[in-house]
């Protein structure tokens, strides 16, 4: 029986080597996913695993799980959680905070604190603020003095954000 690389990756994400439980997990993936390609891969993997007799199937599943754990191929959820844990938290206003909808709010900025002379925070911290025109002028003046670095800016109109340029992952 030949398994494709995609099927092996899906089997490698199972949490158990028991055939019945692994098939249950694959059926849950097939049922829950919206991606038609992933559904097809899960169906093919289920069909192929059903053809393999029990003791060989459990050994095959255990070997596949071990091989993918050795390589460091973790599930997408594990990789996203690891990436999120490495990203420092954003301080200041929440992305969907009430400040965004205040009538005087015209600007949203993301900034890094560069030195201890900054009016807020400590060096190395990153903040998001919703500001009025006056607050934005103060932030630009603070940037000119070298206290902060504005990483991104968006105009705010009735709670909607209109970014000045295409958003890319902020550099550290």
C-alpha atoms as a PDB file:
ATOM      1  CA  UNK A   1       0.000   0.000   0.000  1.00  0.00           C
ATOM      2  CA  UNK A   2       1.481   3.357  -1.073  1.00  0.00           C
ATOM      3  CA  UNK A   3       0.624   6.497   0.893  1.00  0.00           C
ATOM      4  CA  UNK A   4       1.202   9.982  -0.493  1.00  0.00           C
ATOM      5  CA  UNK A   5       3.283  12.499   1.445  1.00  0.00           C
ATOM      6  CA  UNK A   6       0.133  14.494   2.290  1.00  0.00           C
ATOM      7  CA  UNK A   7      -1.570  11.388   3.676  1.00  0.00           C
ATOM      8  CA  UNK A   8       1.507  10.560   5.755  1.00  0.00           C
ATOM      9  CA  UNK A   9       1.585  14.114   7.144  1.00  0.00           C
ATOM     10  CA  UNK A  10      -2.072  13.828   8.118  1.00  0.00           C
ATOM     11  CA  UNK A  11      -1.506  10.435   9.770  1.00  0.00           C
ATOM     12  CA  UNK A  12       1.592  11.842  11.492  1.00  0.00           C
ATOM     13  CA  UNK A  13      -0.590  14.439  13.219  1.00  0.00           C
ATOM     14  CA  UNK A  14      -2.700  11.762  14.928  1.00  0.00           C
ATOM     15  CA  UNK A  15      -2.349  11.611  18.700  1.00  0.00           C
ATOM     16  CA  UNK A  16      -2.596   7.819  19.034  1.00  0.00           C
ATOM     17  CA  UNK A  17      -1.307   4.750  17.235  1.00  0.00           C
ATOM     18  CA  UNK A  18      -4.509   2.758  17.830  1.00  0.00           C
ATOM     19  CA  UNK A  19      -6.187   2.079  14.478  1.00  0.00           C
ATOM     20  CA  UNK A  20      -9.751   2.752  15.631  1.00  0.00           C
ATOM     21  CA  UNK A  21      -8.869   5.996  17.426  1.00  0.00           C
ATOM     22  CA  UNK A  22      -6.659   7.202  14.564  1.00  0.00           C
ATOM     23  CA  UNK A  23      -9.473   6.546  12.082  1.00  0.00           C
ATOM     24  CA  UNK A  24     -11.834   8.469  14.362  1.00  0.00           C
ATOM     25  CA  UNK A  25      -9.421  11.433  14.361  1.00  0.00           C
ATOM     26  CA  UNK A  26      -9.104  11.329  10.571  1.00  0.00           C
ATOM     27  CA  UNK A  27     -12.888  11.200  10.204  1.00  0.00           C
ATOM     28  CA  UNK A  28     -13.154  14.244  12.477  1.00  0.00           C
ATOM     29  CA  UNK A  29     -10.623  16.074  10.283  1.00  0.00           C
ATOM     30  CA  UNK A  30     -12.620  15.136   7.197  1.00  0.00           C
ATOM     31  CA  UNK A  31     -15.865  16.299   8.788  1.00  0.00           C
ATOM     32  CA  UNK A  32     -14.550  19.561  10.278  1.00  0.00           C
ATOM     33  CA  UNK A  33     -12.361  20.922   7.477  1.00  0.00           C
ATOM     34  CA  UNK A  34     -13.675  23.318   4.853  1.00  0.00           C
ATOM     35  CA  UNK A  35     -10.774  22.662   2.483  1.00  0.00           C
ATOM     36  CA  UNK A  36     -11.915  20.189  -0.232  1.00  0.00           C
ATOM     37  CA  UNK A  37      -8.336  19.051  -0.879  1.00  0.00           C
ATOM     38  CA  UNK A  38      -7.785  18.202   2.785  1.00  0.00           C
ATOM     39  CA  UNK A  39     -11.125  16.336   2.829  1.00  0.00           C
ATOM     40  CA  UNK A  40     -10.003  14.252  -0.145  1.00  0.00           C
ATOM     41  CA  UNK A  41      -6.627  13.522   1.447  1.00  0.00           C
ATOM     42  CA  UNK A  42      -8.340  12.441   4.688  1.00  0.00           C
ATOM     43  CA  UNK A  43     -10.772  10.185   2.788  1.00  0.00           C
ATOM     44  CA  UNK A  44      -7.932   8.528   0.865  1.00  0.00           C
ATOM     45  CA  UNK A  45      -5.928   7.992   4.059  1.00  0.00           C
ATOM     46  CA  UNK A  46      -8.968   6.462   5.792  1.00  0.00           C
ATOM     47  CA  UNK A  47      -9.640   4.116   2.860  1.00  0.00           C
ATOM     48  CA  UNK A  48      -6.016   2.966   2.749  1.00  0.00           C
ATOM     49  CA  UNK A  49      -5.795   2.446   6.519  1.00  0.00           C
ATOM     50  CA  UNK A  50      -8.979   0.357   6.472  1.00  0.00           C
ATOM     51  CA  UNK A  51      -7.309  -2.063   4.036  1.00  0.00           C
ATOM     52  CA  UNK A  52      -4.301  -2.649   6.321  1.00  0.00           C
ATOM     53  CA  UNK A  53      -4.815  -5.432   8.929  1.00  0.00           C
ATOM     54  CA  UNK A  54      -4.790  -4.423  12.604  1.00  0.00           C
ATOM     55  CA  UNK A  55      -1.379  -5.206  14.084  1.00  0.00           C
ATOM     56  CA  UNK A  56       0.448  -3.883  11.009  1.00  0.00           C
ATOM     57  CA  UNK A  57      -1.764  -0.788  10.861  1.00  0.00           C
ATOM     58  CA  UNK A  58      -1.084   0.219  14.471  1.00  0.00           C
ATOM     59  CA  UNK A  59       2.676  -0.258  13.960  1.00  0.00           C
ATOM     60  CA  UNK A  60       2.528   1.771  10.730  1.00  0.00           C
ATOM     61  CA  UNK A  61       0.640   4.626  12.451  1.00  0.00           C
ATOM     62  CA  UNK A  62       3.069   4.605  15.414  1.00  0.00           C
ATOM     63  CA  UNK A  63       6.093   4.649  13.074  1.00  0.00           C
ATOM     64  CA  UNK A  64       4.603   7.491  11.023  1.00  0.00           C
ATOM     65  CA  UNK A  65       3.862   9.555  14.142  1.00  0.00           C
ATOM     66  CA  UNK A  66       7.391   8.947  15.465  1.00  0.00           C
ATOM     67  CA  UNK A  67       8.975   9.862  12.113  1.00  0.00           C
ATOM     68  CA  UNK A  68       7.119  13.168  11.918  1.00  0.00           C
ATOM     69  CA  UNK A  69       7.854  14.033  15.551  1.00  0.00           C
ATOM     70  CA  UNK A  70      11.565  13.371  14.972  1.00  0.00           C
ATOM     71  CA  UNK A  71      11.585  15.673  11.943  1.00  0.00           C
ATOM     72  CA  UNK A  72       9.881  18.386  13.931  1.00  0.00           C
ATOM     73  CA  UNK A  73       6.830  18.312  11.658  1.00  0.00           C
ATOM     74  CA  UNK A  74       4.153  19.293  14.116  1.00  0.00           C
ATOM     75  CA  UNK A  75       0.566  20.097  13.340  1.00  0.00           C
ATOM     76  CA  UNK A  76      -0.338  23.499  11.965  1.00  0.00           C
ATOM     77  CA  UNK A  77      -1.932  24.376  15.306  1.00  0.00           C
ATOM     78  CA  UNK A  78       1.326  23.563  17.140  1.00  0.00           C
ATOM     79  CA  UNK A  79       3.358  25.695  14.738  1.00  0.00           C
ATOM     80  CA  UNK A  80       0.948  28.639  15.029  1.00  0.00           C
ATOM     81  CA  UNK A  81       0.975  28.412  18.833  1.00  0.00           C
ATOM     82  CA  UNK A  82       4.789  28.353  18.863  1.00  0.00           C
ATOM     83  CA  UNK A  83       4.957  31.377  16.559  1.00  0.00           C
ATOM     84  CA  UNK A  84       2.451  33.279  18.688  1.00  0.00           C
ATOM     85  CA  UNK A  85       4.415  32.490  21.857  1.00  0.00           C
ATOM     86  CA  UNK A  86       7.554  34.035  20.335  1.00  0.00           C
ATOM     87  CA  UNK A  87       5.787  37.246  19.298  1.00  0.00           C
ATOM     88  CA  UNK A  88       5.888  39.839  22.092  1.00  0.00           C
ATOM     89  CA  UNK A  89       2.461  41.071  23.177  1.00  0.00           C
ATOM     90  CA  UNK A  90       1.116  44.307  21.717  1.00  0.00           C
ATOM     91  CA  UNK A  91       0.484  46.852  24.450  1.00  0.00           C
ATOM     92  CA  UNK A  92      -1.799  49.866  24.373  1.00  0.00           C
ATOM     93  CA  UNK A  93      -5.233  49.867  22.792  1.00  0.00           C
ATOM     94  CA  UNK A  94      -6.926  46.662  21.669  1.00  0.00           C
ATOM     95  CA  UNK A  95      -7.391  46.225  17.909  1.00  0.00           C
ATOM     96  CA  UNK A  96     -11.182  46.252  18.294  1.00  0.00           C
ATOM     97  CA  UNK A  97     -11.240  48.521  21.343  1.00  0.00           C
ATOM     98  CA  UNK A  98     -13.803  51.206  22.026  1.00  0.00           C
ATOM     99  CA  UNK A  99     -11.215  53.917  21.346  1.00  0.00           C
ATOM    100  CA  UNK A 100     -11.432  53.011  17.671  1.00  0.00           C
ATOM    101  CA  UNK A 101     -15.039  54.231  17.498  1.00  0.00           C
ATOM    102  CA  UNK A 102     -14.659  57.547  19.328  1.00  0.00           C
ATOM    103  CA  UNK A 103     -15.744  60.452  17.080  1.00  0.00           C
ATOM    104  CA  UNK A 104     -12.432  62.313  17.520  1.00  0.00           C
ATOM    105  CA  UNK A 105     -10.298  59.266  16.575  1.00  0.00           C
ATOM    106  CA  UNK A 106      -8.593  59.843  13.207  1.00  0.00           C
ATOM    107  CA  UNK A 107      -5.374  57.796  13.394  1.00  0.00           C
ATOM    108  CA  UNK A 108      -4.190  54.345  14.473  1.00  0.00           C
ATOM    109  CA  UNK A 109      -0.447  53.860  14.918  1.00  0.00           C
ATOM    110  CA  UNK A 110       1.778  50.968  15.930  1.00  0.00           C
ATOM    111  CA  UNK A 111       5.033  52.155  17.447  1.00  0.00           C
ATOM    112  CA  UNK A 112       8.199  50.870  19.083  1.00  0.00           C
ATOM    113  CA  UNK A 113       9.683  52.595  22.110  1.00  0.00           C
ATOM    114  CA  UNK A 114      13.330  53.462  21.396  1.00  0.00           C
ATOM    115  CA  UNK A 115      14.580  55.044  24.629  1.00  0.00           C
ATOM    116  CA  UNK A 116      13.589  55.763  28.211  1.00  0.00           C
ATOM    117  CA  UNK A 117      12.784  59.426  27.450  1.00  0.00           C
ATOM    118  CA  UNK A 118       9.579  58.314  25.728  1.00  0.00           C
ATOM    119  CA  UNK A 119       6.344  59.574  27.327  1.00  0.00           C
ATOM    120  CA  UNK A 120       5.036  55.972  27.533  1.00  0.00           C
ATOM    121  CA  UNK A 121       6.589  52.562  28.010  1.00  0.00           C
ATOM    122  CA  UNK A 122      10.097  51.212  28.104  1.00  0.00           C
ATOM    123  CA  UNK A 123      12.619  50.551  25.321  1.00  0.00           C
ATOM    124  CA  UNK A 124      11.763  47.508  23.205  1.00  0.00           C
ATOM    125  CA  UNK A 125       8.023  47.552  23.855  1.00  0.00           C
ATOM    126  CA  UNK A 126       5.478  47.825  21.039  1.00  0.00           C
ATOM    127  CA  UNK A 127       2.222  49.764  21.379  1.00  0.00           C
ATOM    128  CA  UNK A 128      -0.963  50.359  19.382  1.00  0.00           C
ATOM    129  CA  UNK A 129      -2.781  53.652  19.889  1.00  0.00           C
ATOM    130  CA  UNK A 130      -5.911  55.264  18.454  1.00  0.00           C
ATOM    131  CA  UNK A 131      -5.289  59.007  18.330  1.00  0.00           C
ATOM    132  CA  UNK A 132      -6.952  62.297  17.490  1.00  0.00           C
ATOM    133  CA  UNK A 133      -5.242  64.710  15.103  1.00  0.00           C
ATOM    134  CA  UNK A 134      -3.579  66.443  18.070  1.00  0.00           C
ATOM    135  CA  UNK A 135      -2.356  63.139  19.514  1.00  0.00           C
ATOM    136  CA  UNK A 136      -0.936  62.144  16.140  1.00  0.00           C
ATOM    137  CA  UNK A 137       0.976  65.447  15.915  1.00  0.00           C
ATOM    138  CA  UNK A 138       2.452  64.727  19.360  1.00  0.00           C
ATOM    139  CA  UNK A 139       3.457  61.211  18.253  1.00  0.00           C
ATOM    140  CA  UNK A 140       5.163  62.595  15.121  1.00  0.00           C
ATOM    141  CA  UNK A 141       7.033  65.125  17.291  1.00  0.00           C
ATOM    142  CA  UNK A 142       8.112  62.324  19.629  1.00  0.00           C
ATOM    143  CA  UNK A 143       9.335  60.348  16.614  1.00  0.00           C
ATOM    144  CA  UNK A 144      11.319  63.372  15.410  1.00  0.00           C
ATOM    145  CA  UNK A 145      12.992  63.552  18.851  1.00  0.00           C
ATOM    146  CA  UNK A 146      14.009  59.868  18.499  1.00  0.00           C
ATOM    147  CA  UNK A 147      11.891  58.597  21.386  1.00  0.00           C
ATOM    148  CA  UNK A 148       9.666  56.302  19.311  1.00  0.00           C
ATOM    149  CA  UNK A 149       9.550  54.730  15.847  1.00  0.00           C
ATOM    150  CA  UNK A 150       6.125  54.614  14.172  1.00  0.00           C
ATOM    151  CA  UNK A 151       5.942  51.197  12.487  1.00  0.00           C
ATOM    152  CA  UNK A 152       2.560  51.576  10.804  1.00  0.00           C
ATOM    153  CA  UNK A 153      -0.179  54.147  10.421  1.00  0.00           C
ATOM    154  CA  UNK A 154      -3.811  53.869   9.392  1.00  0.00           C
ATOM    155  CA  UNK A 155      -6.472  56.494   8.971  1.00  0.00           C
ATOM    156  CA  UNK A 156      -9.601  55.806  11.039  1.00  0.00           C
ATOM    157  CA  UNK A 157     -13.045  56.827   9.844  1.00  0.00           C
ATOM    158  CA  UNK A 158     -16.148  55.656  11.720  1.00  0.00           C
ATOM    159  CA  UNK A 159     -14.214  52.722  13.170  1.00  0.00           C
ATOM    160  CA  UNK A 160     -12.850  51.548   9.797  1.00  0.00           C
ATOM    161  CA  UNK A 161      -9.090  51.334   9.262  1.00  0.00           C
ATOM    162  CA  UNK A 162      -7.501  52.558   6.036  1.00  0.00           C
ATOM    163  CA  UNK A 163      -3.818  51.603   6.045  1.00  0.00           C
ATOM    164  CA  UNK A 164      -1.324  53.898   4.308  1.00  0.00           C
ATOM    165  CA  UNK A 165       0.599  51.033   2.751  1.00  0.00           C
ATOM    166  CA  UNK A 166       0.402  47.285   2.417  1.00  0.00           C
ATOM    167  CA  UNK A 167       0.797  45.635   5.803  1.00  0.00           C
ATOM    168  CA  UNK A 168       3.761  43.324   6.166  1.00  0.00           C
ATOM    169  CA  UNK A 169       5.122  41.514   9.173  1.00  0.00           C
ATOM    170  CA  UNK A 170       6.808  44.077  11.432  1.00  0.00           C
ATOM    171  CA  UNK A 171      10.576  43.792  11.683  1.00  0.00           C
ATOM    172  CA  UNK A 172      12.293  43.547  15.045  1.00  0.00           C
END
